[in-house]
C-alpha atoms as a PDB file:
ATOM      1  CA  MET A   1       0.015   0.035   0.001  1.00  0.00           C
ATOM      2  CA  PHE A   2       3.050   2.257   0.547  1.00  0.00           C
ATOM      3  CA  THR A   3       6.770   2.112   0.512  1.00  0.00           C
ATOM      4  CA  LEU A   4       9.519   3.921   2.423  1.00  0.00           C
ATOM      5  CA  THR A   5      12.168   2.987  -0.084  1.00  0.00           C
ATOM      6  CA  SER A   6      14.632   5.930  -0.494  1.00  0.00           C
ATOM      7  CA  LYS A   7      13.679   7.231   2.937  1.00  0.00           C
ATOM      8  CA  VAL A   8      16.159   7.546   5.836  1.00  0.00           C
ATOM      9  CA  ALA A   9      14.856   7.182   9.352  1.00  0.00           C
ATOM     10  CA  LEU A  10      16.437   7.868  12.773  1.00  0.00           C
ATOM     11  CA  VAL A  11      15.059   5.928  15.718  1.00  0.00           C
ATOM     12  CA  THR A  12      16.312   6.516  19.255  1.00  0.00           C
ATOM     13  CA  GLY A  13      15.908   3.956  22.063  1.00  0.00           C
ATOM     14  CA  ALA A  14      16.054   1.140  19.420  1.00  0.00           C
ATOM     15  CA  GLY A  15      17.948  -1.453  21.444  1.00  0.00           C
ATOM     16  CA  ARG A  16      14.896  -3.158  22.821  1.00  0.00           C
ATOM     17  CA  GLY A  17      11.136  -3.299  23.006  1.00  0.00           C
ATOM     18  CA  ILE A  18       9.078  -0.725  21.135  1.00  0.00           C
ATOM     19  CA  GLY A  19      12.071   1.027  19.614  1.00  0.00           C
ATOM     20  CA  ARG A  20      13.397  -2.212  18.152  1.00  0.00           C
ATOM     21  CA  ALA A  21       9.918  -3.015  16.744  1.00  0.00           C
ATOM     22  CA  ILE A  22       9.720   0.455  15.155  1.00  0.00           C
ATOM     23  CA  ALA A  23      13.121   0.060  13.484  1.00  0.00           C
ATOM     24  CA  LEU A  24      12.156  -3.375  12.184  1.00  0.00           C
ATOM     25  CA  GLN A  25       8.840  -2.118  10.695  1.00  0.00           C
ATOM     26  CA  LEU A  26      10.422   0.967   9.100  1.00  0.00           C
ATOM     27  CA  SER A  27      13.183  -1.199   7.505  1.00  0.00           C
ATOM     28  CA  ALA A  28      10.619  -3.768   6.352  1.00  0.00           C
ATOM     29  CA  ALA A  29       8.807  -0.951   4.565  1.00  0.00           C
ATOM     30  CA  GLY A  30      12.060   0.001   2.759  1.00  0.00           C
ATOM     31  CA  ALA A  31      13.625   2.701   4.853  1.00  0.00           C
ATOM     32  CA  ALA A  32      17.333   2.860   5.700  1.00  0.00           C
ATOM     33  CA  VAL A  33      17.361   3.237   9.468  1.00  0.00           C
ATOM     34  CA  MET A  34      19.928   4.749  11.856  1.00  0.00           C
ATOM     35  CA  ILE A  35      19.321   3.185  15.255  1.00  0.00           C
ATOM     36  CA  ASN A  36      20.476   4.615  18.562  1.00  0.00           C
ATOM     37  CA  ASP A  37      20.537   3.368  22.168  1.00  0.00           C
ATOM     38  CA  LEU A  38      22.421   4.119  25.310  1.00  0.00           C
ATOM     39  CA  ASP A  39      23.350   0.442  25.668  1.00  0.00           C
ATOM     40  CA  PRO A  40      25.595  -0.819  22.779  1.00  0.00           C
ATOM     41  CA  VAL A  41      24.959  -4.505  23.360  1.00  0.00           C
ATOM     42  CA  PRO A  42      21.164  -4.701  22.602  1.00  0.00           C
ATOM     43  CA  LEU A  43      21.734  -2.051  19.977  1.00  0.00           C
ATOM     44  CA  ALA A  44      24.055  -4.355  18.102  1.00  0.00           C
ATOM     45  CA  GLU A  45      21.444  -7.162  18.412  1.00  0.00           C
ATOM     46  CA  THR A  46      18.897  -4.932  16.811  1.00  0.00           C
ATOM     47  CA  LEU A  47      21.320  -4.036  13.995  1.00  0.00           C
ATOM     48  CA  ALA A  48      21.850  -7.768  13.334  1.00  0.00           C
ATOM     49  CA  LEU A  49      18.077  -8.093  12.585  1.00  0.00           C
ATOM     50  CA  LEU A  50      18.162  -5.233  10.079  1.00  0.00           C
ATOM     51  CA  PRO A  51      19.192  -5.183   6.408  1.00  0.00           C
ATOM     52  CA  PRO A  52      22.607  -3.914   5.339  1.00  0.00           C
ATOM     53  CA  ASN A  53      21.376  -0.439   4.461  1.00  0.00           C
ATOM     54  CA  CYS A  54      20.941   0.320   8.173  1.00  0.00           C
ATOM     55  CA  ALA A  55      23.428   1.618  10.677  1.00  0.00           C
ATOM     56  CA  GLN A  56      23.879   2.274  14.431  1.00  0.00           C
ATOM     57  CA  ARG A  57      25.308   4.922  16.781  1.00  0.00           C
ATOM     58  CA  ALA A  58      25.356   4.116  20.507  1.00  0.00           C
ATOM     59  CA  GLY A  59      25.274   7.092  22.822  1.00  0.00           C
ATOM     60  CA  ASP A  60      23.400   9.103  25.393  1.00  0.00           C
ATOM     61  CA  VAL A  61      20.761  11.418  23.842  1.00  0.00           C
ATOM     62  CA  THR A  62      20.708  13.415  27.114  1.00  0.00           C
ATOM     63  CA  ASP A  63      24.312  14.423  26.563  1.00  0.00           C
ATOM     64  CA  ALA A  64      23.987  18.002  25.245  1.00  0.00           C
ATOM     65  CA  ALA A  65      26.567  17.449  22.432  1.00  0.00           C
ATOM     66  CA  PHE A  66      25.357  14.004  21.271  1.00  0.00           C
ATOM     67  CA  PRO A  67      22.149  14.804  19.345  1.00  0.00           C
ATOM     68  CA  GLN A  68      24.043  16.896  16.752  1.00  0.00           C
ATOM     69  CA  LYS A  69      26.579  14.109  16.280  1.00  0.00           C
ATOM     70  CA  LEU A  70      23.779  11.579  15.829  1.00  0.00           C
ATOM     71  CA  VAL A  71      21.951  13.680  13.277  1.00  0.00           C
ATOM     72  CA  ASP A  72      25.138  14.466  11.412  1.00  0.00           C
ATOM     73  CA  GLN A  73      26.212  10.813  11.223  1.00  0.00           C
ATOM     74  CA  THR A  74      22.768   9.806   9.956  1.00  0.00           C
ATOM     75  CA  VAL A  75      22.913  12.347   7.112  1.00  0.00           C
ATOM     76  CA  ALA A  76      26.531  11.570   6.254  1.00  0.00           C
ATOM     77  CA  GLN A  77      26.332   7.774   6.429  1.00  0.00           C
ATOM     78  CA  LEU A  78      22.772   7.151   5.138  1.00  0.00           C
ATOM     79  CA  GLY A  79      22.536  10.086   2.768  1.00  0.00           C
ATOM     80  CA  GLY A  80      19.675  12.108   4.196  1.00  0.00           C
ATOM     81  CA  LEU A  81      17.026  12.334   6.923  1.00  0.00           C
ATOM     82  CA  ASN A  82      13.274  11.860   6.234  1.00  0.00           C
ATOM     83  CA  ILE A  83      11.904  10.378   9.415  1.00  0.00           C
ATOM     84  CA  ILE A  84      12.745  11.062  13.102  1.00  0.00           C
ATOM     85  CA  VAL A  85      11.270   8.950  15.829  1.00  0.00           C
ATOM     86  CA  ASN A  86      12.103  10.183  19.330  1.00  0.00           C
ATOM     87  CA  ASN A  87      11.445   6.979  21.254  1.00  0.00           C
ATOM     88  CA  ALA A  88      14.210   6.816  23.865  1.00  0.00           C
ATOM     89  CA  GLY A  89      12.926   6.800  27.404  1.00  0.00           C
ATOM     90  CA  TYR A  90      12.377   4.974  30.671  1.00  0.00           C
ATOM     91  CA  THR A  91      10.407   5.347  33.874  1.00  0.00           C
ATOM     92  CA  TRP A  92      11.833   6.283  37.341  1.00  0.00           C
ATOM     93  CA  ASP A  93       8.867   6.405  39.603  1.00  0.00           C
ATOM     94  CA  SER A  94       8.243   7.605  43.149  1.00  0.00           C
ATOM     95  CA  VAL A  95       5.485   9.363  45.012  1.00  0.00           C
ATOM     96  CA  ILE A  96       6.334  13.069  45.031  1.00  0.00           C
ATOM     97  CA  GLN A  97       7.601  13.280  48.589  1.00  0.00           C
ATOM     98  CA  LYS A  98      10.203  10.638  47.699  1.00  0.00           C
ATOM     99  CA  THR A  99      11.107  12.064  44.312  1.00  0.00           C
ATOM    100  CA  THR A 100      14.527  13.786  44.240  1.00  0.00           C
ATOM    101  CA  ASP A 101      15.539  16.751  42.082  1.00  0.00           C
ATOM    102  CA  GLU A 102      17.877  14.466  40.110  1.00  0.00           C
ATOM    103  CA  GLN A 103      15.087  11.919  39.523  1.00  0.00           C
ATOM    104  CA  PHE A 104      12.603  14.552  38.322  1.00  0.00           C
ATOM    105  CA  GLN A 105      15.154  16.276  36.049  1.00  0.00           C
ATOM    106  CA  ALA A 106      16.202  12.910  34.593  1.00  0.00           C
ATOM    107  CA  MET A 107      12.669  12.349  33.393  1.00  0.00           C
ATOM    108  CA  LEU A 108      12.508  15.812  31.857  1.00  0.00           C
ATOM    109  CA  ASP A 109      15.909  15.355  30.233  1.00  0.00           C
ATOM    110  CA  ILE A 110      15.111  12.039  28.458  1.00  0.00           C
ATOM    111  CA  HIS A 111      11.525  12.636  27.537  1.00  0.00           C
ATOM    112  CA  ALA A 112      11.490  16.358  26.625  1.00  0.00           C
ATOM    113  CA  VAL A 113      14.956  17.847  26.393  1.00  0.00           C
ATOM    114  CA  ALA A 114      16.505  15.095  24.290  1.00  0.00           C
ATOM    115  CA  PRO A 115      13.766  15.224  21.633  1.00  0.00           C
ATOM    116  CA  PHE A 116      14.049  19.064  21.600  1.00  0.00           C
ATOM    117  CA  ARG A 117      17.816  18.817  20.999  1.00  0.00           C
ATOM    118  CA  ILE A 118      17.465  16.189  18.295  1.00  0.00           C
ATOM    119  CA  LEU A 119      14.912  18.263  16.407  1.00  0.00           C
ATOM    120  CA  ARG A 120      17.037  21.403  16.797  1.00  0.00           C
ATOM    121  CA  ALA A 121      20.053  19.474  15.510  1.00  0.00           C
ATOM    122  CA  ALA A 122      18.112  18.398  12.446  1.00  0.00           C
ATOM    123  CA  SER A 123      16.575  21.827  11.763  1.00  0.00           C
ATOM    124  CA  GLY A 124      19.427  23.053   9.517  1.00  0.00           C
ATOM    125  CA  PHE A 125      19.323  20.053   7.260  1.00  0.00           C
ATOM    126  CA  ILE A 126      15.541  20.040   7.081  1.00  0.00           C
ATOM    127  CA  ARG A 127      15.197  23.744   6.308  1.00  0.00           C
ATOM    128  CA  GLU A 128      17.933  23.876   3.688  1.00  0.00           C
ATOM    129  CA  THR A 129      16.850  20.643   2.003  1.00  0.00           C
ATOM    130  CA  ALA A 130      13.192  21.701   1.885  1.00  0.00           C
ATOM    131  CA  LYS A 131      14.109  25.049   0.363  1.00  0.00           C
ATOM    132  CA  ARG A 132      16.237  23.342  -2.321  1.00  0.00           C
ATOM    133  CA  GLU A 133      13.482  20.892  -3.146  1.00  0.00           C
ATOM    134  CA  ALA A 134      10.932  23.760  -3.427  1.00  0.00           C
ATOM    135  CA  ALA A 135      13.304  25.590  -5.790  1.00  0.00           C
ATOM    136  CA  GLU A 136      13.397  22.437  -7.940  1.00  0.00           C
ATOM    137  CA  GLY A 137       9.599  22.194  -7.918  1.00  0.00           C
ATOM    138  CA  ARG A 138       9.467  19.088  -5.716  1.00  0.00           C
ATOM    139  CA  ARG A 139       7.429  18.560  -2.622  1.00  0.00           C
ATOM    140  CA  VAL A 140       8.912  15.959  -0.301  1.00  0.00           C
ATOM    141  CA  SER A 141       7.160  15.033   2.926  1.00  0.00           C
ATOM    142  CA  ARG A 142       9.162  14.357   6.054  1.00  0.00           C
ATOM    143  CA  LYS A 143       7.930  12.925   9.346  1.00  0.00           C
ATOM    144  CA  VAL A 144       8.603  13.344  12.998  1.00  0.00           C
ATOM    145  CA  VAL A 145       7.040  11.137  15.583  1.00  0.00           C
ATOM    146  CA  ASN A 146       7.522  11.823  19.272  1.00  0.00           C
ATOM    147  CA  ILE A 147       6.515   9.313  21.909  1.00  0.00           C
ATOM    148  CA  THR A 148       4.207  10.331  24.794  1.00  0.00           C
ATOM    149  CA  SER A 149       1.997   8.320  27.198  1.00  0.00           C
ATOM    150  CA  VAL A 150      -1.424   7.996  28.691  1.00  0.00           C
ATOM    151  CA  ALA A 151       0.397   9.197  31.825  1.00  0.00           C
ATOM    152  CA  ALA A 152       0.658  12.640  30.168  1.00  0.00           C
ATOM    153  CA  THR A 153      -2.992  12.890  29.263  1.00  0.00           C
ATOM    154  CA  ASP A 154      -4.474  11.195  32.327  1.00  0.00           C
ATOM    155  CA  GLY A 155      -1.709  11.361  34.965  1.00  0.00           C
ATOM    156  CA  GLY A 156      -0.044   8.460  36.702  1.00  0.00           C
ATOM    157  CA  ALA A 157       0.287   8.015  40.467  1.00  0.00           C
ATOM    158  CA  GLY A 158       3.958   7.916  41.342  1.00  0.00           C
ATOM    159  CA  GLN A 159       4.921   9.467  38.030  1.00  0.00           C
ATOM    160  CA  ALA A 160       5.343  13.220  38.576  1.00  0.00           C
ATOM    161  CA  GLY A 161       8.530  13.374  36.551  1.00  0.00           C
ATOM    162  CA  TYR A 162       7.497  10.965  33.856  1.00  0.00           C
ATOM    163  CA  SER A 163       4.088  12.462  33.370  1.00  0.00           C
ATOM    164  CA  SER A 164       5.562  15.942  33.200  1.00  0.00           C
ATOM    165  CA  GLY A 165       8.219  14.971  30.614  1.00  0.00           C
ATOM    166  CA  LYS A 166       5.625  13.195  28.476  1.00  0.00           C
ATOM    167  CA  SER A 167       3.263  16.194  28.725  1.00  0.00           C
ATOM    168  CA  ALA A 168       6.035  18.511  27.620  1.00  0.00           C
ATOM    169  CA  VAL A 169       6.685  16.459  24.458  1.00  0.00           C
ATOM    170  CA  MET A 170       3.010  17.027  23.486  1.00  0.00           C
ATOM    171  CA  GLY A 171       3.507  20.734  23.523  1.00  0.00           C
ATOM    172  CA  LEU A 172       6.796  20.353  21.651  1.00  0.00           C
ATOM    173  CA  THR A 173       4.996  18.232  19.041  1.00  0.00           C
ATOM    174  CA  ARG A 174       2.236  20.712  18.393  1.00  0.00           C
ATOM    175  CA  THR A 175       4.622  23.703  18.249  1.00  0.00           C
ATOM    176  CA  MET A 176       6.958  21.991  15.763  1.00  0.00           C
ATOM    177  CA  ALA A 177       3.970  21.024  13.608  1.00  0.00           C
ATOM    178  CA  LYS A 178       3.308  24.764  13.192  1.00  0.00           C
ATOM    179  CA  GLU A 179       6.939  25.736  12.723  1.00  0.00           C
ATOM    180  CA  TRP A 180       7.849  23.025  10.226  1.00  0.00           C
ATOM    181  CA  GLY A 181       4.698  22.792   8.227  1.00  0.00           C
ATOM    182  CA  ARG A 182       6.163  25.221   5.670  1.00  0.00           C
ATOM    183  CA  TYR A 183       8.953  22.646   5.146  1.00  0.00           C
ATOM    184  CA  ASN A 184       6.466  19.798   4.452  1.00  0.00           C
ATOM    185  CA  VAL A 185       7.273  18.112   7.764  1.00  0.00           C
ATOM    186  CA  ASN A 186       4.436  16.319   9.570  1.00  0.00           C
ATOM    187  CA  VAL A 187       5.023  16.354  13.307  1.00  0.00           C
ATOM    188  CA  ASN A 188       2.894  13.990  15.450  1.00  0.00           C
ATOM    189  CA  ALA A 189       3.064  11.994  18.640  1.00  0.00           C
ATOM    190  CA  VAL A 190       1.935   8.532  19.695  1.00  0.00           C
ATOM    191  CA  GLY A 191       0.769   8.076  23.273  1.00  0.00           C
ATOM    192  CA  PHE A 192       1.097   4.575  24.599  1.00  0.00           C
ATOM    193  CA  GLY A 193      -0.950   2.832  27.226  1.00  0.00           C
ATOM    194  CA  LEU A 194       0.160  -0.479  28.728  1.00  0.00           C
ATOM    195  CA  ILE A 195       2.536  -2.109  26.218  1.00  0.00           C
ATOM    196  CA  GLY A 196       4.338  -5.333  27.017  1.00  0.00           C
ATOM    197  CA  THR A 197       7.999  -4.318  27.660  1.00  0.00           C
ATOM    198  CA  ARG A 198      10.534  -4.813  30.385  1.00  0.00           C
ATOM    199  CA  LEU A 199       9.262  -1.606  31.975  1.00  0.00           C
ATOM    200  CA  THR A 200       5.748  -2.991  32.335  1.00  0.00           C
ATOM    201  CA  GLN A 201       6.525  -6.601  33.370  1.00  0.00           C
ATOM    202  CA  ALA A 202       5.097  -7.961  36.574  1.00  0.00           C
ATOM    203  CA  TRP A 203       7.197  -6.397  39.348  1.00  0.00           C
ATOM    204  CA  THR A 204       9.490  -8.500  41.501  1.00  0.00           C
ATOM    205  CA  GLU A 205      12.319  -7.653  43.864  1.00  0.00           C
ATOM    206  CA  ASP A 206      14.745  -8.325  40.982  1.00  0.00           C
ATOM    207  CA  SER A 207      12.902  -6.113  38.461  1.00  0.00           C
ATOM    208  CA  LYS A 208      15.497  -3.454  37.849  1.00  0.00           C
ATOM    209  CA  ILE A 209      17.146  -1.662  34.963  1.00  0.00           C
ATOM    210  CA  GLU A 210      20.503   0.121  34.882  1.00  0.00           C
ATOM    211  CA  VAL A 211      20.731   3.602  33.441  1.00  0.00           C
ATOM    212  CA  LYS A 212      24.045   5.467  33.497  1.00  0.00           C
ATOM    213  CA  GLY A 213      25.246   3.537  36.475  1.00  0.00           C
ATOM    214  CA  ARG A 214      22.001   3.888  38.446  1.00  0.00           C
ATOM    215  CA  GLU A 215      19.895   0.896  39.438  1.00  0.00           C
ATOM    216  CA  ILE A 216      16.215   1.757  38.922  1.00  0.00           C
ATOM    217  CA  LYS A 217      13.231  -0.358  39.945  1.00  0.00           C
ATOM    218  CA  ALA A 218      11.149  -1.411  36.907  1.00  0.00           C
ATOM    219  CA  GLY A 219       7.882  -3.216  36.454  1.00  0.00           C
ATOM    220  CA  VAL A 220       4.332  -2.935  37.607  1.00  0.00           C
ATOM    221  CA  ARG A 221       2.747  -4.782  40.554  1.00  0.00           C
ATOM    222  CA  GLN A 222       0.596  -7.720  39.449  1.00  0.00           C
ATOM    223  CA  GLU A 223      -2.519  -6.315  41.128  1.00  0.00           C
ATOM    224  CA  VAL A 224      -2.130  -3.034  39.218  1.00  0.00           C
ATOM    225  CA  LEU A 225      -1.575  -4.887  35.912  1.00  0.00           C
ATOM    226  CA  ASP A 226      -4.738  -6.874  36.598  1.00  0.00           C
ATOM    227  CA  GLN A 227      -6.666  -3.659  37.307  1.00  0.00           C
ATOM    228  CA  VAL A 228      -5.445  -1.972  34.104  1.00  0.00           C
ATOM    229  CA  ILE A 229      -6.197  -5.001  31.968  1.00  0.00           C
ATOM    230  CA  ALA A 230      -9.668  -5.240  33.488  1.00  0.00           C
ATOM    231  CA  ALA A 231     -10.289  -1.554  32.736  1.00  0.00           C
ATOM    232  CA  SER A 232      -9.169  -1.874  29.101  1.00  0.00           C
ATOM    233  CA  PRO A 233     -11.926  -2.369  26.484  1.00  0.00           C
ATOM    234  CA  LEU A 234      -9.697  -4.784  24.672  1.00  0.00           C
ATOM    235  CA  GLY A 235      -8.886  -6.604  27.939  1.00  0.00           C
ATOM    236  CA  ARG A 236      -5.210  -7.079  27.323  1.00  0.00           C
ATOM    237  CA  VAL A 237      -1.766  -5.528  27.182  1.00  0.00           C
ATOM    238  CA  GLY A 238      -0.615  -4.224  23.802  1.00  0.00           C
ATOM    239  CA  THR A 239       2.364  -5.781  21.982  1.00  0.00           C
ATOM    240  CA  VAL A 240       5.421  -3.888  20.833  1.00  0.00           C
ATOM    241  CA  GLU A 241       4.476  -4.690  17.270  1.00  0.00           C
ATOM    242  CA  GLU A 242       1.044  -2.991  17.726  1.00  0.00           C
ATOM    243  CA  ALA A 243       2.758  -0.032  19.266  1.00  0.00           C
ATOM    244  CA  ALA A 244       5.171   0.200  16.316  1.00  0.00           C
ATOM    245  CA  GLY A 245       2.341  -0.009  13.909  1.00  0.00           C
ATOM    246  CA  ALA A 246       0.823   3.258  15.212  1.00  0.00           C
ATOM    247  CA  VAL A 247       4.265   4.896  14.705  1.00  0.00           C
ATOM    248  CA  LEU A 248       4.609   3.405  11.246  1.00  0.00           C
ATOM    249  CA  PHE A 249       1.285   4.932  10.142  1.00  0.00           C
ATOM    250  CA  LEU A 250       2.582   8.400  11.131  1.00  0.00           C
ATOM    251  CA  CYS A 251       5.818   7.777   9.244  1.00  0.00           C
ATOM    252  CA  SER A 252       4.060   6.723   6.081  1.00  0.00           C
ATOM    253  CA  PRO A 253       2.427   8.637   3.164  1.00  0.00           C
ATOM    254  CA  LEU A 254      -0.882   7.561   4.649  1.00  0.00           C
ATOM    255  CA  SER A 255      -0.472  10.410   7.175  1.00  0.00           C
ATOM    256  CA  ASP A 256       0.623  13.148   4.764  1.00  0.00           C
ATOM    257  CA  PHE A 257      -2.242  15.412   5.820  1.00  0.00           C
ATOM    258  CA  VAL A 258      -1.978  14.627   9.514  1.00  0.00           C
ATOM    259  CA  THR A 259       0.074  16.957  11.717  1.00  0.00           C
ATOM    260  CA  GLY A 260       0.055  18.325  15.212  1.00  0.00           C
ATOM    261  CA  GLU A 261      -1.896  15.297  16.423  1.00  0.00           C
ATOM    262  CA  ILE A 262      -1.492  12.966  19.403  1.00  0.00           C
ATOM    263  CA  LEU A 263      -2.486   9.427  18.378  1.00  0.00           C
ATOM    264  CA  MET A 264      -3.362   7.428  21.543  1.00  0.00           C
ATOM    265  CA  CYS A 265      -2.417   3.748  21.276  1.00  0.00           C
ATOM    266  CA  THR A 266      -3.926   2.407  24.581  1.00  0.00           C
ATOM    267  CA  GLY A 267      -6.437  -0.281  23.733  1.00  0.00           C
ATOM    268  CA  GLY A 268      -9.083   2.212  24.709  1.00  0.00           C
ATOM    269  CA  LEU A 269      -7.785   2.631  28.243  1.00  0.00           C
ATOM    270  CA  ARG A 270      -8.809   5.841  29.986  1.00  0.00           C
ATOM    271  CA  SER A 271      -8.651   6.814  33.609  1.00  0.00           C
END
């Protein structure tokens, strides 16, 4: 129904889970994909699943200098930039009285500041390329998909930082849709509900992730999982492939007249 052949995509947080599924679906549609993740080991595992026209760059998107390096390498190595998926993220939850400044800022940095810096880093290439294409009488659509959450729209107990960061990316999305419409860039976001990843697995004492030397509790208590599933009209957790499908739609020509929108991929879940 459509092809992404000749398109170049950049996907952050592509080492595991939803990010890996997004990269696989974009490449299956024909795109050359630059994948990024903080952890080089799962990133290399993702690259091994992709065709030879894809590439990787491990690194921390919250490092102020890294987003420009990532964008520059994508353009230089893959020959352009048509699709940006700001997917990198994680949860670091606590009720507000137990949330430290470092914890709150970390959530803002990964979910809002990093996407801002990546889009700013790409702005020069996008503006100059769009102007050249217009002078040649060509209209080329480009896509940005940011990732938000039902925690941004409905709130999430114990997620002051995560909810705030994901809310901020909604404002960034709608602003960039207005700024970049003149360059034929569609800027949208997908908001996820409960998707089956390591961050939403049933919680145990051993459910932890490591981020930049910090051990962070991960997972959801089984009784909470059961409550969420019971409240969902579809009665189940979403798969990473289903989550990636919503992103793929917004990266495809099927969404060429859709911009500034937040597509909720929650199985109908609402608080």
